[in-house]
Each structure stands twice: as C-alpha cells, then as structure tokens.
Amino acid sequence: MLQVTRKDDESVENLVRRFNKKVIQSGILTAARQRKYFQKPISKTEARVVAIRKRARKEQKMRELIGTR
C-alpha cells in the first residue's frame, strides 16, 4: 500500500500530484486494469507471436510517420 505524508506548508494539490506520481511509477494502476477482465492464459509461443506482430505493426507505423515528414 502506498502512503504519502504531507510535508510542512505543502498544498493539497502538490500532495495529490506526488501521490499520483507514486501510483503511476509503482505500476499498481496498470496491473489493476489488466486484471479487470479475465483473459485466457496463452502459451509462451503464442505470446511471442503476438509480441512479434505488435512490434512489426509499431515499426511500420513509425516508418509511415517518418516517410510523411
């Protein structure tokens, strides 16, 4: 559990900002979002194939973006 203590003469906005930064850095929110819906577990080979496809799409988008400039 994350805890953020208020410093002397610190505004509430700064306290909330520091808390949000800690939550993002810890990865708690992304893990909770992933667990929101159940997904069937896939094998390592399937995960590898999906990662390769995802990487190829990302590279293609980057090439298209660079080519339009």
C-alpha atoms as a PDB file:
ATOM      1  CA  MET A   1       0.000   0.000   0.000  1.00  0.00           C
ATOM      2  CA  LEU A   2       1.310   3.432  -0.904  1.00  0.00           C
ATOM      3  CA  GLN A   3       1.459   6.160   1.679  1.00  0.00           C
ATOM      4  CA  VAL A   4       2.285   9.785   1.120  1.00  0.00           C
ATOM      5  CA  THR A   5       2.677  12.040   4.139  1.00  0.00           C
ATOM      6  CA  ARG A   6       2.048  15.725   3.897  1.00  0.00           C
ATOM      7  CA  LYS A   7       5.117  17.905   4.253  1.00  0.00           C
ATOM      8  CA  ASP A   8       5.106  21.163   6.209  1.00  0.00           C
ATOM      9  CA  ASP A   9       3.448  24.006   4.280  1.00  0.00           C
ATOM     10  CA  GLU A  10       2.560  21.719   1.338  1.00  0.00           C
ATOM     11  CA  SER A  11      -0.632  22.369  -0.571  1.00  0.00           C
ATOM     12  CA  VAL A  12      -3.200  19.655  -1.122  1.00  0.00           C
ATOM     13  CA  GLU A  13      -2.666  19.893  -4.896  1.00  0.00           C
ATOM     14  CA  ASN A  14       1.044  19.105  -4.539  1.00  0.00           C
ATOM     15  CA  LEU A  15       0.246  16.224  -2.194  1.00  0.00           C
ATOM     16  CA  VAL A  16      -2.203  14.715  -4.701  1.00  0.00           C
ATOM     17  CA  ARG A  17       0.303  15.241  -7.514  1.00  0.00           C
ATOM     18  CA  ARG A  18       3.026  13.389  -5.577  1.00  0.00           C
ATOM     19  CA  PHE A  19       0.609  10.569  -4.759  1.00  0.00           C
ATOM     20  CA  ASN A  20      -0.464  10.196  -8.404  1.00  0.00           C
ATOM     21  CA  LYS A  21       3.177  10.110  -9.496  1.00  0.00           C
ATOM     22  CA  LYS A  22       3.955   7.331  -6.999  1.00  0.00           C
ATOM     23  CA  VAL A  23       0.930   5.310  -8.162  1.00  0.00           C
ATOM     24  CA  ILE A  24       1.982   5.606 -11.806  1.00  0.00           C
ATOM     25  CA  GLN A  25       5.602   4.699 -11.052  1.00  0.00           C
ATOM     26  CA  SER A  26       4.634   1.674  -8.979  1.00  0.00           C
ATOM     27  CA  GLY A  27       2.547   0.158 -11.786  1.00  0.00           C
ATOM     28  CA  ILE A  28      -0.384  -0.656  -9.498  1.00  0.00           C
ATOM     29  CA  LEU A  29      -2.933   1.008 -11.755  1.00  0.00           C
ATOM     30  CA  THR A  30      -1.811  -0.773 -14.922  1.00  0.00           C
ATOM     31  CA  ALA A  31      -1.849  -4.130 -13.126  1.00  0.00           C
ATOM     32  CA  ALA A  32      -5.376  -3.487 -11.850  1.00  0.00           C
ATOM     33  CA  ARG A  33      -6.575  -2.544 -15.317  1.00  0.00           C
ATOM     34  CA  GLN A  34      -5.111  -5.746 -16.753  1.00  0.00           C
ATOM     35  CA  ARG A  35      -6.907  -7.840 -14.125  1.00  0.00           C
ATOM     36  CA  LYS A  36     -10.216  -6.057 -14.714  1.00  0.00           C
ATOM     37  CA  TYR A  37     -11.309  -8.630 -17.285  1.00  0.00           C
ATOM     38  CA  PHE A  38     -10.332 -12.283 -17.311  1.00  0.00           C
ATOM     39  CA  GLN A  39      -8.215 -13.396 -20.240  1.00  0.00           C
ATOM     40  CA  LYS A  40      -7.405 -16.991 -21.005  1.00  0.00           C
ATOM     41  CA  PRO A  41      -3.741 -17.735 -20.390  1.00  0.00           C
ATOM     42  CA  ILE A  42      -1.786 -18.237 -23.611  1.00  0.00           C
ATOM     43  CA  SER A  43       1.325 -20.285 -24.200  1.00  0.00           C
ATOM     44  CA  LYS A  44       4.781 -18.761 -24.485  1.00  0.00           C
ATOM     45  CA  THR A  45       4.906 -19.367 -28.226  1.00  0.00           C
ATOM     46  CA  GLU A  46       1.552 -17.650 -28.774  1.00  0.00           C
ATOM     47  CA  ALA A  47       2.649 -14.707 -26.637  1.00  0.00           C
ATOM     48  CA  ARG A  48       5.879 -14.486 -28.623  1.00  0.00           C
ATOM     49  CA  VAL A  49       3.970 -14.475 -31.932  1.00  0.00           C
ATOM     50  CA  VAL A  50       1.645 -11.743 -30.668  1.00  0.00           C
ATOM     51  CA  ALA A  51       4.623  -9.657 -29.497  1.00  0.00           C
ATOM     52  CA  ILE A  52       6.341 -10.047 -32.879  1.00  0.00           C
ATOM     53  CA  ARG A  53       3.191  -8.918 -34.711  1.00  0.00           C
ATOM     54  CA  LYS A  54       2.755  -5.967 -32.364  1.00  0.00           C
ATOM     55  CA  ARG A  55       6.394  -4.908 -32.810  1.00  0.00           C
ATOM     56  CA  ALA A  56       6.103  -5.172 -36.613  1.00  0.00           C
ATOM     57  CA  ARG A  57       2.963  -3.001 -36.645  1.00  0.00           C
ATOM     58  CA  LYS A  58       4.656  -0.417 -34.450  1.00  0.00           C
ATOM     59  CA  GLU A  59       7.730  -0.310 -36.704  1.00  0.00           C
ATOM     60  CA  GLN A  60       5.537   0.035 -39.786  1.00  0.00           C
ATOM     61  CA  LYS A  61       3.635   2.950 -38.220  1.00  0.00           C
ATOM     62  CA  MET A  62       6.917   4.636 -37.351  1.00  0.00           C
ATOM     63  CA  ARG A  63       8.202   4.169 -40.918  1.00  0.00           C
ATOM     64  CA  GLU A  64       4.986   5.667 -42.304  1.00  0.00           C
ATOM     65  CA  LEU A  65       5.185   8.570 -39.874  1.00  0.00           C
ATOM     66  CA  ILE A  66       8.809   9.298 -40.773  1.00  0.00           C
ATOM     67  CA  GLY A  67       8.052   8.930 -44.505  1.00  0.00           C
ATOM     68  CA  THR A  68       5.326  11.610 -44.375  1.00  0.00           C
ATOM     69  CA  ARG A  69       7.644  14.256 -42.977  1.00  0.00           C
END
